[in-house]
PDB file of N, CA and C in Angstrom:
ATOM      1  N   UNK A   1     260.595 227.027  44.410  1.00  0.00           N
ATOM      2  CA  UNK A   1     259.678 226.602  45.285  1.00  0.00           C
ATOM      3  C   UNK A   1     260.222 226.102  46.708  1.00  0.00           C
ATOM      4  N   UNK A   2     261.308 225.306  46.458  1.00  0.00           N
ATOM      5  CA  UNK A   2     261.975 224.812  47.770  1.00  0.00           C
ATOM      6  C   UNK A   2     262.656 225.976  48.595  1.00  0.00           C
ATOM      7  N   UNK A   3     263.210 226.926  47.812  1.00  0.00           N
ATOM      8  CA  UNK A   3     263.813 228.159  48.480  1.00  0.00           C
ATOM      9  C   UNK A   3     262.699 228.905  49.263  1.00  0.00           C
ATOM     10  N   UNK A   4     261.462 229.053  48.550  1.00  0.00           N
ATOM     11  CA  UNK A   4     260.498 229.820  49.271  1.00  0.00           C
ATOM     12  C   UNK A   4     260.045 229.063  50.556  1.00  0.00           C
ATOM     13  N   UNK A   5     259.869 227.840  50.494  1.00  0.00           N
ATOM     14  CA  UNK A   5     259.309 226.933  51.603  1.00  0.00           C
ATOM     15  C   UNK A   5     260.497 227.127  52.802  1.00  0.00           C
ATOM     16  N   UNK A   6     261.693 227.035  52.406  1.00  0.00           N
ATOM     17  CA  UNK A   6     262.830 227.147  53.434  1.00  0.00           C
ATOM     18  C   UNK A   6     262.720 228.562  54.019  1.00  0.00           C
ATOM     19  N   UNK A   7     262.523 229.583  53.201  1.00  0.00           N
ATOM     20  CA  UNK A   7     262.385 231.044  53.717  1.00  0.00           C
ATOM     21  C   UNK A   7     261.157 231.137  54.757  1.00  0.00           C
ATOM     22  N   UNK A   8     260.056 230.569  54.324  1.00  0.00           N
ATOM     23  CA  UNK A   8     258.873 230.595  55.146  1.00  0.00           C
ATOM     24  C   UNK A   8     259.107 229.945  56.348  1.00  0.00           C
ATOM     25  N   UNK A   9     259.874 228.808  56.484  1.00  0.00           N
ATOM     26  CA  UNK A   9     260.087 228.060  57.631  1.00  0.00           C
ATOM     27  C   UNK A   9     260.973 228.849  58.580  1.00  0.00           C
ATOM     28  N   UNK A  10     261.979 229.570  58.022  1.00  0.00           N
ATOM     29  CA  UNK A  10     262.857 230.492  58.764  1.00  0.00           C
ATOM     30  C   UNK A  10     262.067 231.563  59.408  1.00  0.00           C
ATOM     31  N   UNK A  11     261.213 232.237  58.695  1.00  0.00           N
ATOM     32  CA  UNK A  11     260.301 233.213  59.187  1.00  0.00           C
ATOM     33  C   UNK A  11     259.497 232.684  60.334  1.00  0.00           C
ATOM     34  N   UNK A  12     258.822 231.641  60.186  1.00  0.00           N
ATOM     35  CA  UNK A  12     258.049 231.084  61.343  1.00  0.00           C
ATOM     36  C   UNK A  12     258.862 230.891  62.461  1.00  0.00           C
ATOM     37  N   UNK A  13     260.090 230.269  62.378  1.00  0.00           N
ATOM     38  CA  UNK A  13     260.918 230.025  63.445  1.00  0.00           C
ATOM     39  C   UNK A  13     261.212 231.319  64.220  1.00  0.00           C
ATOM     40  N   UNK A  14     261.625 232.455  63.396  1.00  0.00           N
ATOM     41  CA  UNK A  14     261.998 233.661  63.982  1.00  0.00           C
ATOM     42  C   UNK A  14     260.786 234.266  64.636  1.00  0.00           C
ATOM     43  N   UNK A  15     259.593 234.128  64.165  1.00  0.00           N
ATOM     44  CA  UNK A  15     258.423 234.531  64.878  1.00  0.00           C
ATOM     45  C   UNK A  15     258.116 233.805  66.268  1.00  0.00           C
ATOM     46  N   UNK A  16     258.397 232.436  66.206  1.00  0.00           N
ATOM     47  CA  UNK A  16     258.294 231.680  67.393  1.00  0.00           C
ATOM     48  C   UNK A  16     259.322 232.049  68.405  1.00  0.00           C
ATOM     49  N   UNK A  17     260.587 232.401  68.069  1.00  0.00           N
ATOM     50  CA  UNK A  17     261.656 232.816  69.022  1.00  0.00           C
ATOM     51  C   UNK A  17     261.234 234.100  69.588  1.00  0.00           C
ATOM     52  N   UNK A  18     260.716 235.098  68.810  1.00  0.00           N
ATOM     53  CA  UNK A  18     260.377 236.495  69.172  1.00  0.00           C
ATOM     54  C   UNK A  18     259.341 236.400  70.196  1.00  0.00           C
ATOM     55  N   UNK A  19     258.286 235.450  69.944  1.00  0.00           N
ATOM     56  CA  UNK A  19     257.177 235.133  70.888  1.00  0.00           C
ATOM     57  C   UNK A  19     257.620 234.829  72.164  1.00  0.00           C
ATOM     58  N   UNK A  20     258.549 233.773  72.142  1.00  0.00           N
ATOM     59  CA  UNK A  20     259.194 233.140  73.428  1.00  0.00           C
ATOM     60  C   UNK A  20     259.997 234.298  74.148  1.00  0.00           C
ATOM     61  N   UNK A  21     260.714 235.104  73.513  1.00  0.00           N
ATOM     62  CA  UNK A  21     261.484 236.260  74.122  1.00  0.00           C
ATOM     63  C   UNK A  21     260.460 237.193  74.809  1.00  0.00           C
ATOM     64  N   UNK A  22     259.534 237.584  74.012  1.00  0.00           N
ATOM     65  CA  UNK A  22     258.654 238.505  74.564  1.00  0.00           C
ATOM     66  C   UNK A  22     257.905 237.872  75.791  1.00  0.00           C
ATOM     67  N   UNK A  23     257.446 236.730  75.710  1.00  0.00           N
ATOM     68  CA  UNK A  23     256.933 235.951  76.937  1.00  0.00           C
ATOM     69  C   UNK A  23     257.875 235.970  78.192  1.00  0.00           C
ATOM     70  N   UNK A  24     259.057 235.803  77.834  1.00  0.00           N
ATOM     71  CA  UNK A  24     260.086 235.855  78.900  1.00  0.00           C
ATOM     72  C   UNK A  24     260.373 237.205  79.622  1.00  0.00           C
ATOM     73  N   UNK A  25     259.778 238.195  78.997  1.00  0.00           N
ATOM     74  CA  UNK A  25     259.840 239.508  79.661  1.00  0.00           C
ATOM     75  C   UNK A  25     260.976 240.360  78.974  1.00  0.00           C
ATOM     76  N   UNK A  26     261.495 239.979  77.748  1.00  0.00           N
ATOM     77  CA  UNK A  26     262.486 240.843  77.079  1.00  0.00           C
ATOM     78  C   UNK A  26     261.766 241.864  76.344  1.00  0.00           C
ATOM     79  N   UNK A  27     262.429 243.076  76.604  1.00  0.00           N
ATOM     80  CA  UNK A  27     261.741 244.368  76.024  1.00  0.00           C
ATOM     81  C   UNK A  27     261.610 244.154  74.378  1.00  0.00           C
ATOM     82  N   UNK A  28     260.621 244.874  73.847  1.00  0.00           N
ATOM     83  CA  UNK A  28     260.402 244.792  72.558  1.00  0.00           C
ATOM     84  C   UNK A  28     261.365 245.197  71.540  1.00  0.00           C
ATOM     85  N   UNK A  29     262.220 246.345  72.093  1.00  0.00           N
ATOM     86  CA  UNK A  29     263.294 246.823  71.395  1.00  0.00           C
ATOM     87  C   UNK A  29     264.425 245.852  71.275  1.00  0.00           C
ATOM     88  N   UNK A  30     264.841 245.067  72.371  1.00  0.00           N
ATOM     89  CA  UNK A  30     265.860 244.087  72.245  1.00  0.00           C
ATOM     90  C   UNK A  30     265.372 242.875  71.224  1.00  0.00           C
ATOM     91  N   UNK A  31     264.073 242.576  71.396  1.00  0.00           N
ATOM     92  CA  UNK A  31     263.471 241.426  70.467  1.00  0.00           C
ATOM     93  C   UNK A  31     263.690 241.901  69.073  1.00  0.00           C
ATOM     94  N   UNK A  32     263.377 243.228  68.791  1.00  0.00           N
ATOM     95  CA  UNK A  32     263.559 243.648  67.345  1.00  0.00           C
ATOM     96  C   UNK A  32     264.890 243.527  66.905  1.00  0.00           C
ATOM     97  N   UNK A  33     265.854 244.050  67.744  1.00  0.00           N
ATOM     98  CA  UNK A  33     267.281 243.968  67.266  1.00  0.00           C
ATOM     99  C   UNK A  33     267.726 242.544  67.205  1.00  0.00           C
ATOM    100  N   UNK A  34     267.365 241.726  68.043  1.00  0.00           N
ATOM    101  CA  UNK A  34     267.835 240.265  68.054  1.00  0.00           C
ATOM    102  C   UNK A  34     267.382 239.523  66.841  1.00  0.00           C
ATOM    103  N   UNK A  35     265.992 239.769  66.561  1.00  0.00           N
ATOM    104  CA  UNK A  35     265.373 238.904  65.558  1.00  0.00           C
ATOM    105  C   UNK A  35     265.348 239.516  64.106  1.00  0.00           C
ATOM    106  N   UNK A  36     265.607 240.923  64.168  1.00  0.00           N
ATOM    107  CA  UNK A  36     265.527 241.669  62.853  1.00  0.00           C
ATOM    108  C   UNK A  36     264.065 241.938  62.446  1.00  0.00           C
ATOM    109  N   UNK A  37     263.037 241.582  63.396  1.00  0.00           N
ATOM    110  CA  UNK A  37     261.736 241.788  63.093  1.00  0.00           C
ATOM    111  C   UNK A  37     261.282 243.356  63.317  1.00  0.00           C
ATOM    112  N   UNK A  38     260.305 243.751  62.516  1.00  0.00           N
ATOM    113  CA  UNK A  38     259.898 245.221  62.633  1.00  0.00           C
ATOM    114  C   UNK A  38     258.850 245.394  63.765  1.00  0.00           C
ATOM    115  N   UNK A  39     258.491 246.535  64.161  1.00  0.00           N
ATOM    116  CA  UNK A  39     257.463 246.969  65.181  1.00  0.00           C
ATOM    117  C   UNK A  39     256.296 246.150  64.613  1.00  0.00           C
ATOM    118  N   UNK A  40     255.834 246.337  63.374  1.00  0.00           N
ATOM    119  CA  UNK A  40     254.562 245.842  62.795  1.00  0.00           C
ATOM    120  C   UNK A  40     254.531 244.182  62.936  1.00  0.00           C
ATOM    121  N   UNK A  41     255.731 243.562  62.693  1.00  0.00           N
ATOM    122  CA  UNK A  41     255.692 242.126  62.729  1.00  0.00           C
ATOM    123  C   UNK A  41     255.615 241.793  64.373  1.00  0.00           C
ATOM    124  N   UNK A  42     256.110 242.445  65.216  1.00  0.00           N
ATOM    125  CA  UNK A  42     255.905 242.140  66.581  1.00  0.00           C
ATOM    126  C   UNK A  42     254.522 242.396  67.001  1.00  0.00           C
ATOM    127  N   UNK A  43     253.724 243.341  66.383  1.00  0.00           N
ATOM    128  CA  UNK A  43     252.344 243.529  66.740  1.00  0.00           C
ATOM    129  C   UNK A  43     251.530 242.370  66.133  1.00  0.00           C
ATOM    130  N   UNK A  44     251.918 241.938  65.084  1.00  0.00           N
ATOM    131  CA  UNK A  44     251.399 240.662  64.428  1.00  0.00           C
ATOM    132  C   UNK A  44     251.395 239.416  65.383  1.00  0.00           C
ATOM    133  N   UNK A  45     252.735 239.435  66.141  1.00  0.00           N
ATOM    134  CA  UNK A  45     252.833 238.220  67.042  1.00  0.00           C
ATOM    135  C   UNK A  45     251.888 238.335  68.233  1.00  0.00           C
ATOM    136  N   UNK A  46     251.691 239.690  68.727  1.00  0.00           N
ATOM    137  CA  UNK A  46     250.773 239.883  69.686  1.00  0.00           C
ATOM    138  C   UNK A  46     249.327 239.431  69.280  1.00  0.00           C
ATOM    139  N   UNK A  47     248.937 239.856  68.179  1.00  0.00           N
ATOM    140  CA  UNK A  47     247.535 239.521  67.621  1.00  0.00           C
ATOM    141  C   UNK A  47     247.400 237.991  67.418  1.00  0.00           C
ATOM    142  N   UNK A  48     248.550 237.400  66.902  1.00  0.00           N
ATOM    143  CA  UNK A  48     248.459 235.960  66.738  1.00  0.00           C
ATOM    144  C   UNK A  48     248.369 235.199  68.011  1.00  0.00           C
ATOM    145  N   UNK A  49     249.100 235.746  68.998  1.00  0.00           N
ATOM    146  CA  UNK A  49     249.247 235.037  70.215  1.00  0.00           C
ATOM    147  C   UNK A  49     247.863 235.115  70.961  1.00  0.00           C
ATOM    148  N   UNK A  50     247.189 236.220  70.754  1.00  0.00           N
ATOM    149  CA  UNK A  50     245.769 236.384  71.466  1.00  0.00           C
ATOM    150  C   UNK A  50     244.896 235.512  70.831  1.00  0.00           C
ATOM    151  N   UNK A  51     245.059 235.052  69.541  1.00  0.00           N
ATOM    152  CA  UNK A  51     244.162 233.949  68.957  1.00  0.00           C
ATOM    153  C   UNK A  51     244.788 232.595  68.837  1.00  0.00           C
ATOM    154  N   UNK A  52     245.886 232.461  69.667  1.00  0.00           N
ATOM    155  CA  UNK A  52     246.544 231.258  69.855  1.00  0.00           C
ATOM    156  C   UNK A  52     247.089 230.645  68.545  1.00  0.00           C
ATOM    157  N   UNK A  53     247.494 231.463  67.589  1.00  0.00           N
ATOM    158  CA  UNK A  53     248.000 230.963  66.344  1.00  0.00           C
ATOM    159  C   UNK A  53     249.374 230.414  66.305  1.00  0.00           C
ATOM    160  N   UNK A  54     250.303 231.004  67.224  1.00  0.00           N
ATOM    161  CA  UNK A  54     251.533 230.377  67.211  1.00  0.00           C
ATOM    162  C   UNK A  54     251.720 229.244  68.118  1.00  0.00           C
ATOM    163  N   UNK A  55     250.661 228.888  68.919  1.00  0.00           N
ATOM    164  CA  UNK A  55     250.793 227.584  69.521  1.00  0.00           C
ATOM    165  C   UNK A  55     251.836 227.623  70.633  1.00  0.00           C
TER     166      UNK A  55
END
């Protein structure tokens, strides 16, 4: 249970970092390479950002 919580925390941190990089004008390809996120995960960030999910 603790391992899963830690893993979820890391994933949330990665998503926030990716969101910040995208907002800074970094291209999606570089964000994917840097964070290890997939195109689908970046699209989810876009969707979440538009609903203000990531704050």
